[in-house]
N, C-alpha and C. Protein backbone atom coordinates (compact mmCIF):
# COMPACT_ATOMS: atom_id res chain seq x y z
N MET A 1 -0.01 2.78 -20.11
CA MET A 1 -0.17 1.40 -19.67
C MET A 1 1.17 0.81 -19.22
N MET A 2 2.24 1.16 -19.92
CA MET A 2 3.55 0.63 -19.53
C MET A 2 3.99 1.20 -18.18
N PHE A 3 3.63 2.45 -17.93
CA PHE A 3 3.94 3.10 -16.67
C PHE A 3 3.32 2.32 -15.51
N ILE A 4 2.05 1.99 -15.65
CA ILE A 4 1.32 1.25 -14.61
C ILE A 4 1.87 -0.16 -14.48
N ALA A 5 2.16 -0.81 -15.61
CA ALA A 5 2.72 -2.16 -15.58
C ALA A 5 4.06 -2.19 -14.85
N MET A 6 4.88 -1.16 -15.09
CA MET A 6 6.19 -1.09 -14.45
C MET A 6 6.03 -0.97 -12.92
N TYR A 7 5.13 -0.10 -12.48
CA TYR A 7 4.93 0.06 -11.04
C TYR A 7 4.30 -1.20 -10.43
N ALA A 8 3.41 -1.88 -11.15
CA ALA A 8 2.83 -3.13 -10.65
C ALA A 8 3.92 -4.19 -10.50
N ALA A 9 4.87 -4.21 -11.44
CA ALA A 9 5.98 -5.16 -11.34
C ALA A 9 6.87 -4.84 -10.14
N ILE A 10 7.14 -3.56 -9.92
CA ILE A 10 7.95 -3.16 -8.76
C ILE A 10 7.23 -3.51 -7.46
N LEU A 11 5.92 -3.28 -7.43
CA LEU A 11 5.12 -3.65 -6.24
C LEU A 11 5.21 -5.15 -5.99
N SER A 12 5.15 -5.94 -7.05
CA SER A 12 5.24 -7.39 -6.92
C SER A 12 6.59 -7.81 -6.34
N ILE A 13 7.63 -7.12 -6.73
CA ILE A 13 8.97 -7.41 -6.20
C ILE A 13 9.07 -6.98 -4.74
N LEU A 14 8.61 -5.76 -4.44
CA LEU A 14 8.69 -5.26 -3.05
C LEU A 14 7.82 -6.08 -2.10
N ALA A 15 6.76 -6.70 -2.61
CA ALA A 15 5.91 -7.54 -1.76
C ALA A 15 6.68 -8.74 -1.21
N GLN A 16 7.76 -9.11 -1.89
CA GLN A 16 8.54 -10.27 -1.45
C GLN A 16 9.57 -9.92 -0.39
N VAL A 17 9.79 -8.62 -0.18
CA VAL A 17 10.75 -8.17 0.83
C VAL A 17 10.07 -8.24 2.19
N THR A 18 10.61 -9.06 3.07
CA THR A 18 10.04 -9.23 4.40
C THR A 18 11.16 -9.20 5.43
N ILE A 19 10.93 -8.39 6.45
CA ILE A 19 11.85 -8.36 7.59
C ILE A 19 11.09 -8.97 8.76
N PRO A 20 11.46 -10.20 9.16
CA PRO A 20 10.73 -10.85 10.24
C PRO A 20 11.00 -10.17 11.58
N LEU A 21 9.94 -9.90 12.29
CA LEU A 21 10.02 -9.35 13.64
C LEU A 21 9.25 -10.27 14.57
N PRO A 22 9.42 -10.16 15.88
CA PRO A 22 8.74 -11.08 16.80
C PRO A 22 7.21 -11.10 16.67
N LEU A 23 6.57 -9.94 16.58
CA LEU A 23 5.11 -9.93 16.53
C LEU A 23 4.57 -9.93 15.10
N VAL A 24 4.99 -8.97 14.31
CA VAL A 24 4.52 -8.87 12.92
C VAL A 24 5.70 -8.57 12.02
N PRO A 25 5.73 -9.19 10.84
CA PRO A 25 6.82 -8.90 9.91
C PRO A 25 6.61 -7.56 9.21
N ILE A 26 7.70 -6.96 8.80
CA ILE A 26 7.63 -5.76 7.96
C ILE A 26 7.71 -6.24 6.52
N THR A 27 6.72 -5.85 5.71
CA THR A 27 6.75 -6.23 4.30
C THR A 27 6.87 -4.97 3.44
N GLY A 28 7.47 -5.14 2.28
CA GLY A 28 7.62 -4.04 1.35
C GLY A 28 6.33 -3.70 0.62
N GLN A 29 5.35 -4.58 0.72
CA GLN A 29 4.09 -4.42 0.01
C GLN A 29 3.36 -3.15 0.43
N THR A 30 3.14 -2.96 1.71
CA THR A 30 2.42 -1.78 2.18
C THR A 30 3.26 -0.52 2.03
N LEU A 31 4.55 -0.64 2.17
CA LEU A 31 5.44 0.49 1.94
C LEU A 31 5.32 0.97 0.50
N ALA A 32 5.28 0.03 -0.43
CA ALA A 32 5.20 0.37 -1.85
C ALA A 32 3.90 1.10 -2.20
N VAL A 33 2.81 0.74 -1.56
CA VAL A 33 1.53 1.40 -1.85
C VAL A 33 1.63 2.89 -1.54
N GLY A 34 2.13 3.24 -0.36
CA GLY A 34 2.29 4.64 0.00
C GLY A 34 3.34 5.34 -0.84
N LEU A 35 4.41 4.66 -1.12
CA LEU A 35 5.49 5.21 -1.94
C LEU A 35 4.98 5.59 -3.33
N PHE A 36 4.25 4.67 -3.96
CA PHE A 36 3.76 4.93 -5.31
C PHE A 36 2.72 6.03 -5.33
N ALA A 37 1.84 6.06 -4.34
CA ALA A 37 0.83 7.11 -4.29
C ALA A 37 1.51 8.47 -4.12
N THR A 38 2.61 8.51 -3.38
CA THR A 38 3.35 9.75 -3.19
C THR A 38 4.07 10.17 -4.47
N ILE A 39 4.56 9.22 -5.21
CA ILE A 39 5.31 9.54 -6.43
C ILE A 39 4.37 9.87 -7.60
N ILE A 40 3.36 9.03 -7.84
CA ILE A 40 2.58 9.17 -9.08
C ILE A 40 1.14 9.60 -8.86
N GLY A 41 0.72 9.87 -7.63
CA GLY A 41 -0.61 10.41 -7.40
C GLY A 41 -1.71 9.37 -7.38
N SER A 42 -2.93 9.87 -7.29
CA SER A 42 -4.10 9.02 -7.04
C SER A 42 -4.47 8.10 -8.19
N ARG A 43 -4.55 8.63 -9.38
CA ARG A 43 -5.07 7.85 -10.50
C ARG A 43 -4.14 6.69 -10.87
N PHE A 44 -2.87 7.00 -11.14
CA PHE A 44 -1.96 5.95 -11.56
C PHE A 44 -1.63 4.96 -10.45
N SER A 45 -1.56 5.42 -9.21
CA SER A 45 -1.29 4.47 -8.13
C SER A 45 -2.48 3.54 -7.92
N THR A 46 -3.70 4.05 -8.08
CA THR A 46 -4.88 3.19 -7.96
C THR A 46 -4.91 2.16 -9.08
N TYR A 47 -4.63 2.59 -10.29
CA TYR A 47 -4.56 1.64 -11.41
C TYR A 47 -3.48 0.58 -11.16
N THR A 48 -2.35 1.01 -10.61
CA THR A 48 -1.27 0.08 -10.30
C THR A 48 -1.74 -0.99 -9.32
N ILE A 49 -2.45 -0.57 -8.28
CA ILE A 49 -2.95 -1.52 -7.28
C ILE A 49 -3.95 -2.48 -7.92
N LEU A 50 -4.84 -1.97 -8.77
CA LEU A 50 -5.83 -2.83 -9.43
C LEU A 50 -5.15 -3.87 -10.33
N VAL A 51 -4.12 -3.47 -11.06
CA VAL A 51 -3.38 -4.42 -11.90
C VAL A 51 -2.70 -5.46 -11.02
N TYR A 52 -2.07 -5.01 -9.96
CA TYR A 52 -1.39 -5.91 -9.02
C TYR A 52 -2.36 -6.94 -8.44
N LEU A 53 -3.53 -6.47 -8.00
CA LEU A 53 -4.54 -7.39 -7.44
C LEU A 53 -5.05 -8.35 -8.50
N ALA A 54 -5.23 -7.87 -9.72
CA ALA A 54 -5.69 -8.76 -10.80
C ALA A 54 -4.65 -9.84 -11.09
N LEU A 55 -3.38 -9.46 -11.12
CA LEU A 55 -2.32 -10.44 -11.36
C LEU A 55 -2.30 -11.52 -10.28
N GLY A 56 -2.41 -11.10 -9.03
CA GLY A 56 -2.42 -12.06 -7.93
C GLY A 56 -3.67 -12.92 -7.92
N THR A 57 -4.80 -12.34 -8.29
CA THR A 57 -6.06 -13.08 -8.29
C THR A 57 -6.07 -14.18 -9.35
N ILE A 58 -5.46 -13.90 -10.51
CA ILE A 58 -5.46 -14.92 -11.58
C ILE A 58 -4.39 -15.99 -11.38
N GLY A 59 -3.57 -15.83 -10.34
CA GLY A 59 -2.64 -16.90 -10.02
C GLY A 59 -1.16 -16.59 -10.13
N LEU A 60 -0.80 -15.39 -10.54
CA LEU A 60 0.62 -15.06 -10.57
C LEU A 60 1.09 -14.80 -9.14
N PRO A 61 2.22 -15.35 -8.74
CA PRO A 61 2.67 -15.25 -7.33
C PRO A 61 3.26 -13.89 -6.99
N VAL A 62 2.41 -12.87 -6.94
CA VAL A 62 2.87 -11.50 -6.71
C VAL A 62 2.63 -11.00 -5.29
N PHE A 63 1.80 -11.69 -4.53
CA PHE A 63 1.53 -11.27 -3.16
C PHE A 63 2.69 -11.68 -2.26
N ALA A 64 2.71 -11.17 -1.04
CA ALA A 64 3.79 -11.47 -0.10
C ALA A 64 3.99 -12.98 0.03
N GLY A 65 5.24 -13.39 0.08
CA GLY A 65 5.56 -14.81 0.21
C GLY A 65 5.33 -15.58 -1.08
N PHE A 66 5.33 -14.90 -2.21
CA PHE A 66 5.09 -15.51 -3.52
C PHE A 66 3.77 -16.27 -3.56
N THR A 67 2.74 -15.71 -2.93
CA THR A 67 1.42 -16.33 -2.93
C THR A 67 0.53 -15.66 -3.96
N SER A 68 -0.61 -16.30 -4.22
CA SER A 68 -1.57 -15.76 -5.18
C SER A 68 -2.88 -16.52 -5.04
N GLY A 69 -3.85 -16.09 -5.82
CA GLY A 69 -5.11 -16.82 -5.93
C GLY A 69 -6.24 -16.27 -5.09
N LEU A 70 -7.41 -16.83 -5.34
CA LEU A 70 -8.62 -16.41 -4.64
C LEU A 70 -8.56 -16.70 -3.14
N GLY A 71 -7.84 -17.75 -2.76
CA GLY A 71 -7.72 -18.09 -1.35
C GLY A 71 -7.02 -16.99 -0.56
N ILE A 72 -6.08 -16.32 -1.18
CA ILE A 72 -5.39 -15.20 -0.53
C ILE A 72 -6.28 -13.97 -0.56
N VAL A 73 -6.84 -13.67 -1.72
CA VAL A 73 -7.66 -12.47 -1.89
C VAL A 73 -8.87 -12.49 -0.96
N PHE A 74 -9.51 -13.64 -0.83
CA PHE A 74 -10.70 -13.73 0.01
C PHE A 74 -10.45 -14.40 1.35
N GLY A 75 -9.18 -14.63 1.68
CA GLY A 75 -8.82 -15.21 2.97
C GLY A 75 -8.75 -14.15 4.06
N PRO A 76 -8.25 -14.52 5.23
CA PRO A 76 -8.22 -13.62 6.38
C PRO A 76 -7.45 -12.32 6.15
N THR A 77 -6.45 -12.33 5.29
CA THR A 77 -5.65 -11.12 5.06
C THR A 77 -6.08 -10.36 3.80
N GLY A 78 -7.11 -10.80 3.14
CA GLY A 78 -7.57 -10.15 1.91
C GLY A 78 -8.02 -8.72 2.10
N GLY A 79 -8.51 -8.38 3.27
CA GLY A 79 -8.94 -7.02 3.53
C GLY A 79 -7.84 -6.00 3.39
N TYR A 80 -6.63 -6.40 3.76
CA TYR A 80 -5.49 -5.49 3.60
C TYR A 80 -5.25 -5.22 2.12
N LEU A 81 -5.34 -6.27 1.32
CA LEU A 81 -5.16 -6.11 -0.13
C LEU A 81 -6.22 -5.17 -0.71
N PHE A 82 -7.48 -5.38 -0.34
CA PHE A 82 -8.54 -4.50 -0.82
C PHE A 82 -8.37 -3.08 -0.27
N GLY A 83 -7.83 -2.96 0.92
CA GLY A 83 -7.60 -1.66 1.52
C GLY A 83 -6.55 -0.83 0.79
N PHE A 84 -5.68 -1.51 0.02
CA PHE A 84 -4.69 -0.79 -0.77
C PHE A 84 -5.34 0.14 -1.79
N ILE A 85 -6.53 -0.22 -2.29
CA ILE A 85 -7.18 0.58 -3.33
C ILE A 85 -7.55 1.97 -2.79
N PRO A 86 -8.39 2.07 -1.75
CA PRO A 86 -8.69 3.42 -1.24
C PRO A 86 -7.48 4.10 -0.61
N ALA A 87 -6.57 3.32 -0.04
CA ALA A 87 -5.38 3.93 0.56
C ALA A 87 -4.54 4.63 -0.51
N ALA A 88 -4.31 3.97 -1.62
CA ALA A 88 -3.53 4.58 -2.71
C ALA A 88 -4.25 5.80 -3.27
N PHE A 89 -5.54 5.65 -3.51
CA PHE A 89 -6.29 6.76 -4.09
C PHE A 89 -6.29 7.97 -3.17
N LEU A 90 -6.64 7.77 -1.90
CA LEU A 90 -6.77 8.90 -0.98
C LEU A 90 -5.42 9.53 -0.62
N THR A 91 -4.37 8.72 -0.56
CA THR A 91 -3.04 9.27 -0.32
C THR A 91 -2.63 10.18 -1.48
N GLY A 92 -2.78 9.67 -2.68
CA GLY A 92 -2.45 10.47 -3.86
C GLY A 92 -3.34 11.69 -4.01
N TYR A 93 -4.62 11.52 -3.72
CA TYR A 93 -5.58 12.62 -3.85
C TYR A 93 -5.23 13.76 -2.88
N TRP A 94 -4.91 13.41 -1.65
CA TRP A 94 -4.51 14.41 -0.65
C TRP A 94 -3.34 15.23 -1.20
N LEU A 95 -2.33 14.53 -1.72
CA LEU A 95 -1.13 15.22 -2.20
C LEU A 95 -1.42 16.07 -3.43
N GLU A 96 -2.28 15.61 -4.30
CA GLU A 96 -2.65 16.39 -5.48
C GLU A 96 -3.38 17.67 -5.09
N ARG A 97 -4.16 17.62 -4.04
CA ARG A 97 -4.94 18.78 -3.60
C ARG A 97 -4.13 19.72 -2.70
N LYS A 98 -3.31 19.16 -1.82
CA LYS A 98 -2.60 19.98 -0.83
C LYS A 98 -1.18 20.33 -1.25
N GLY A 99 -0.59 19.52 -2.12
CA GLY A 99 0.78 19.76 -2.57
C GLY A 99 1.70 18.61 -2.19
N PHE A 100 2.64 18.34 -3.07
CA PHE A 100 3.59 17.26 -2.86
C PHE A 100 4.76 17.77 -2.01
N THR A 101 4.50 17.89 -0.72
CA THR A 101 5.52 18.29 0.25
C THR A 101 5.68 17.17 1.27
N THR A 102 6.80 17.16 1.95
CA THR A 102 7.04 16.10 2.94
C THR A 102 6.00 16.11 4.06
N PRO A 103 5.65 17.26 4.66
CA PRO A 103 4.63 17.21 5.71
C PRO A 103 3.27 16.69 5.22
N HIS A 104 2.86 17.12 4.03
CA HIS A 104 1.59 16.61 3.49
C HIS A 104 1.71 15.12 3.16
N ALA A 105 2.87 14.71 2.68
CA ALA A 105 3.07 13.30 2.35
C ALA A 105 3.02 12.43 3.60
N ILE A 106 3.55 12.92 4.70
CA ILE A 106 3.47 12.16 5.95
C ILE A 106 2.02 12.01 6.38
N GLY A 107 1.27 13.11 6.37
CA GLY A 107 -0.16 13.03 6.73
C GLY A 107 -0.94 12.12 5.81
N ALA A 108 -0.70 12.24 4.51
CA ALA A 108 -1.41 11.41 3.53
C ALA A 108 -1.07 9.94 3.70
N ASN A 109 0.21 9.63 3.94
CA ASN A 109 0.61 8.24 4.12
C ASN A 109 0.10 7.66 5.43
N LEU A 110 0.02 8.47 6.47
CA LEU A 110 -0.57 7.98 7.72
C LEU A 110 -2.05 7.66 7.52
N LEU A 111 -2.74 8.52 6.78
CA LEU A 111 -4.14 8.24 6.44
C LEU A 111 -4.26 6.94 5.66
N GLY A 112 -3.42 6.77 4.65
CA GLY A 112 -3.44 5.53 3.86
C GLY A 112 -3.17 4.30 4.69
N MET A 113 -2.23 4.42 5.63
CA MET A 113 -1.91 3.29 6.50
C MET A 113 -3.10 2.92 7.37
N VAL A 114 -3.76 3.92 7.94
CA VAL A 114 -4.93 3.66 8.79
C VAL A 114 -6.05 3.03 7.96
N ILE A 115 -6.24 3.50 6.74
CA ILE A 115 -7.28 2.92 5.86
C ILE A 115 -6.98 1.46 5.58
N THR A 116 -5.74 1.16 5.24
CA THR A 116 -5.36 -0.24 4.96
C THR A 116 -5.60 -1.11 6.18
N LEU A 117 -5.17 -0.65 7.35
CA LEU A 117 -5.36 -1.43 8.58
C LEU A 117 -6.84 -1.57 8.94
N ALA A 118 -7.62 -0.53 8.72
CA ALA A 118 -9.06 -0.60 9.02
C ALA A 118 -9.76 -1.61 8.11
N PHE A 119 -9.43 -1.61 6.83
CA PHE A 119 -10.01 -2.60 5.91
C PHE A 119 -9.59 -4.00 6.32
N GLY A 120 -8.30 -4.18 6.64
CA GLY A 120 -7.82 -5.49 7.05
C GLY A 120 -8.49 -5.98 8.32
N MET A 121 -8.65 -5.08 9.29
CA MET A 121 -9.29 -5.44 10.56
C MET A 121 -10.75 -5.83 10.34
N ALA A 122 -11.48 -5.02 9.58
CA ALA A 122 -12.90 -5.30 9.34
C ALA A 122 -13.07 -6.62 8.59
N TRP A 123 -12.24 -6.84 7.59
CA TRP A 123 -12.31 -8.08 6.82
C TRP A 123 -12.02 -9.28 7.72
N LEU A 124 -10.98 -9.16 8.54
CA LEU A 124 -10.60 -10.23 9.47
C LEU A 124 -11.75 -10.55 10.42
N LYS A 125 -12.44 -9.53 10.91
CA LYS A 125 -13.55 -9.71 11.83
C LYS A 125 -14.61 -10.62 11.24
N PHE A 126 -14.96 -10.37 9.97
CA PHE A 126 -16.04 -11.14 9.33
C PHE A 126 -15.57 -12.50 8.82
N VAL A 127 -14.38 -12.56 8.24
CA VAL A 127 -13.88 -13.84 7.70
C VAL A 127 -13.57 -14.82 8.82
N ALA A 128 -12.98 -14.33 9.89
CA ALA A 128 -12.60 -15.21 11.00
C ALA A 128 -13.69 -15.35 12.05
N SER A 129 -14.80 -14.63 11.88
CA SER A 129 -15.92 -14.66 12.83
C SER A 129 -15.45 -14.39 14.26
N ILE A 130 -14.75 -13.27 14.42
CA ILE A 130 -14.27 -12.88 15.74
C ILE A 130 -14.91 -11.54 16.12
N SER A 131 -14.75 -11.16 17.37
CA SER A 131 -15.33 -9.89 17.85
C SER A 131 -14.54 -8.71 17.28
N TRP A 132 -15.16 -7.52 17.36
CA TRP A 132 -14.46 -6.31 16.92
C TRP A 132 -13.22 -6.08 17.76
N ASN A 133 -13.31 -6.35 19.04
CA ASN A 133 -12.15 -6.16 19.91
C ASN A 133 -11.01 -7.10 19.52
N ALA A 134 -11.35 -8.35 19.26
CA ALA A 134 -10.31 -9.32 18.86
C ALA A 134 -9.72 -8.92 17.51
N ALA A 135 -10.56 -8.47 16.58
CA ALA A 135 -10.06 -8.03 15.27
C ALA A 135 -9.14 -6.83 15.42
N PHE A 136 -9.51 -5.90 16.29
CA PHE A 136 -8.69 -4.72 16.53
C PHE A 136 -7.35 -5.10 17.14
N MET A 137 -7.40 -5.99 18.12
CA MET A 137 -6.17 -6.38 18.83
C MET A 137 -5.24 -7.26 17.99
N THR A 138 -5.80 -8.00 17.02
CA THR A 138 -4.95 -8.87 16.20
C THR A 138 -4.71 -8.33 14.79
N GLY A 139 -5.65 -7.55 14.27
CA GLY A 139 -5.54 -7.10 12.89
C GLY A 139 -5.20 -5.64 12.70
N PHE A 140 -5.14 -4.88 13.79
CA PHE A 140 -4.85 -3.45 13.67
C PHE A 140 -3.66 -3.05 14.56
N MET A 141 -3.82 -3.23 15.85
CA MET A 141 -2.83 -2.75 16.82
C MET A 141 -1.40 -3.28 16.60
N PRO A 142 -1.21 -4.57 16.32
CA PRO A 142 0.17 -5.03 16.15
C PRO A 142 0.88 -4.39 14.96
N PHE A 143 0.10 -3.96 13.97
CA PHE A 143 0.67 -3.40 12.75
C PHE A 143 0.86 -1.89 12.82
N LEU A 144 0.30 -1.26 13.84
CA LEU A 144 0.31 0.20 13.93
C LEU A 144 1.72 0.80 14.05
N PRO A 145 2.57 0.36 14.97
CA PRO A 145 3.91 0.98 15.07
C PRO A 145 4.72 0.86 13.78
N VAL A 146 4.74 -0.32 13.19
CA VAL A 146 5.47 -0.53 11.95
C VAL A 146 4.80 0.26 10.81
N GLY A 147 3.48 0.33 10.83
CA GLY A 147 2.75 1.08 9.81
C GLY A 147 3.10 2.56 9.85
N ILE A 148 3.23 3.11 11.04
CA ILE A 148 3.61 4.52 11.17
C ILE A 148 5.02 4.74 10.61
N LEU A 149 5.91 3.84 10.95
CA LEU A 149 7.28 3.92 10.43
C LEU A 149 7.30 3.84 8.91
N LYS A 150 6.56 2.89 8.35
CA LYS A 150 6.52 2.75 6.88
C LYS A 150 5.87 3.96 6.23
N ALA A 151 4.87 4.56 6.86
CA ALA A 151 4.23 5.76 6.30
C ALA A 151 5.22 6.91 6.22
N ILE A 152 6.03 7.07 7.24
CA ILE A 152 7.02 8.15 7.25
C ILE A 152 8.11 7.89 6.21
N ILE A 153 8.55 6.64 6.11
CA ILE A 153 9.57 6.29 5.11
C ILE A 153 9.01 6.50 3.70
N ALA A 154 7.78 6.04 3.45
CA ALA A 154 7.17 6.21 2.13
C ALA A 154 7.02 7.68 1.77
N ALA A 155 6.65 8.49 2.75
CA ALA A 155 6.49 9.93 2.51
C ALA A 155 7.82 10.57 2.14
N TYR A 156 8.81 10.32 2.94
CA TYR A 156 10.11 10.95 2.70
C TYR A 156 10.71 10.48 1.37
N LEU A 157 10.79 9.16 1.18
CA LEU A 157 11.37 8.63 -0.06
C LEU A 157 10.53 9.00 -1.28
N GLY A 158 9.21 8.96 -1.12
CA GLY A 158 8.34 9.29 -2.24
C GLY A 158 8.54 10.71 -2.74
N ILE A 159 8.61 11.67 -1.83
CA ILE A 159 8.84 13.06 -2.22
C ILE A 159 10.22 13.21 -2.85
N LEU A 160 11.22 12.58 -2.27
CA LEU A 160 12.57 12.64 -2.81
C LEU A 160 12.63 12.05 -4.23
N ILE A 161 12.08 10.87 -4.41
CA ILE A 161 12.08 10.22 -5.72
C ILE A 161 11.27 11.02 -6.72
N ARG A 162 10.11 11.52 -6.30
CA ARG A 162 9.28 12.33 -7.20
C ARG A 162 10.03 13.56 -7.70
N LYS A 163 10.70 14.27 -6.81
CA LYS A 163 11.46 15.46 -7.20
C LYS A 163 12.56 15.10 -8.19
N ARG A 164 13.23 14.01 -7.93
CA ARG A 164 14.32 13.61 -8.83
C ARG A 164 13.80 13.16 -10.19
N LEU A 165 12.69 12.43 -10.19
CA LEU A 165 12.10 12.01 -11.48
C LEU A 165 11.60 13.21 -12.27
N LEU A 166 11.01 14.17 -11.59
CA LEU A 166 10.54 15.39 -12.27
C LEU A 166 11.71 16.19 -12.84
N SER A 167 12.77 16.35 -12.04
CA SER A 167 13.93 17.12 -12.54
C SER A 167 14.64 16.41 -13.68
N ALA A 168 14.59 15.10 -13.72
CA ALA A 168 15.19 14.34 -14.81
C ALA A 168 14.24 14.18 -15.99
N ARG A 169 13.04 14.73 -15.85
CA ARG A 169 11.98 14.64 -16.87
C ARG A 169 11.60 13.20 -17.19
N LEU A 170 11.64 12.36 -16.15
CA LEU A 170 11.22 10.97 -16.28
C LEU A 170 9.82 10.75 -15.74
N LEU A 171 9.22 11.81 -15.21
CA LEU A 171 7.86 11.75 -14.67
C LEU A 171 7.13 12.95 -15.25
N PRO A 172 5.99 12.72 -15.87
CA PRO A 172 5.24 13.87 -16.41
C PRO A 172 4.87 14.85 -15.29
N SER A 173 5.02 16.11 -15.54
CA SER A 173 4.72 17.12 -14.52
C SER A 173 3.23 17.22 -14.23
N THR A 174 2.41 16.59 -15.07
CA THR A 174 0.96 16.59 -14.85
C THR A 174 0.53 15.60 -13.80
N LEU A 175 1.42 14.74 -13.34
CA LEU A 175 1.09 13.77 -12.29
C LEU A 175 1.11 14.43 -10.95
C-alpha cells in the first residue's frame, strides 16, 4: 500500500509540471502514467492511477493545475483521466508479457498514449456534443506529436529507472 501511495504522490507532483506550448501544453501527468507502468508493471501502476483519481475526485488538488473534484473528472477533459486506467494496465501488461526492454517499452508506451488520447477524444465528443471529426481534431491530433515524444521519454527513462531500482534491490524482482 505504501508503494502505491508513494507513486500516487509522485504522480500528483508531476501533474503540476507544465511546459506551455502554443497549441497544447506538455504536462508531467501523462508522462508519469507511462513511466510508472514501465517501472512497476500493470497491477501496481493501475492501482496507482485509481488512488490518484480517487484523491482528485474527493477534492485533493492533485490534477494538473492543482485542480480536483467531480467537475474535472466529469468535465471535458475527464476522458483523459479515465483513459489513464487502461493505458497504465495495458502498457504494463505488454511489458510483463514481452519483456522490459527499451523497444518493447516504446511500443507499449505508444499504445498507452493512443489509448489515453482515444478515451479523451471520445469523452470530449459526448460531453461537448461535437462531431467525431471535431473531437478528433481538437482532442486527439494536437496532442499526438507531444504524446509520441512523452511515450519515448517514458519508455527510455522507465527502463533505466527500473534497472537501477532492481540492481539496488529497491524494486521487487517479481514486478
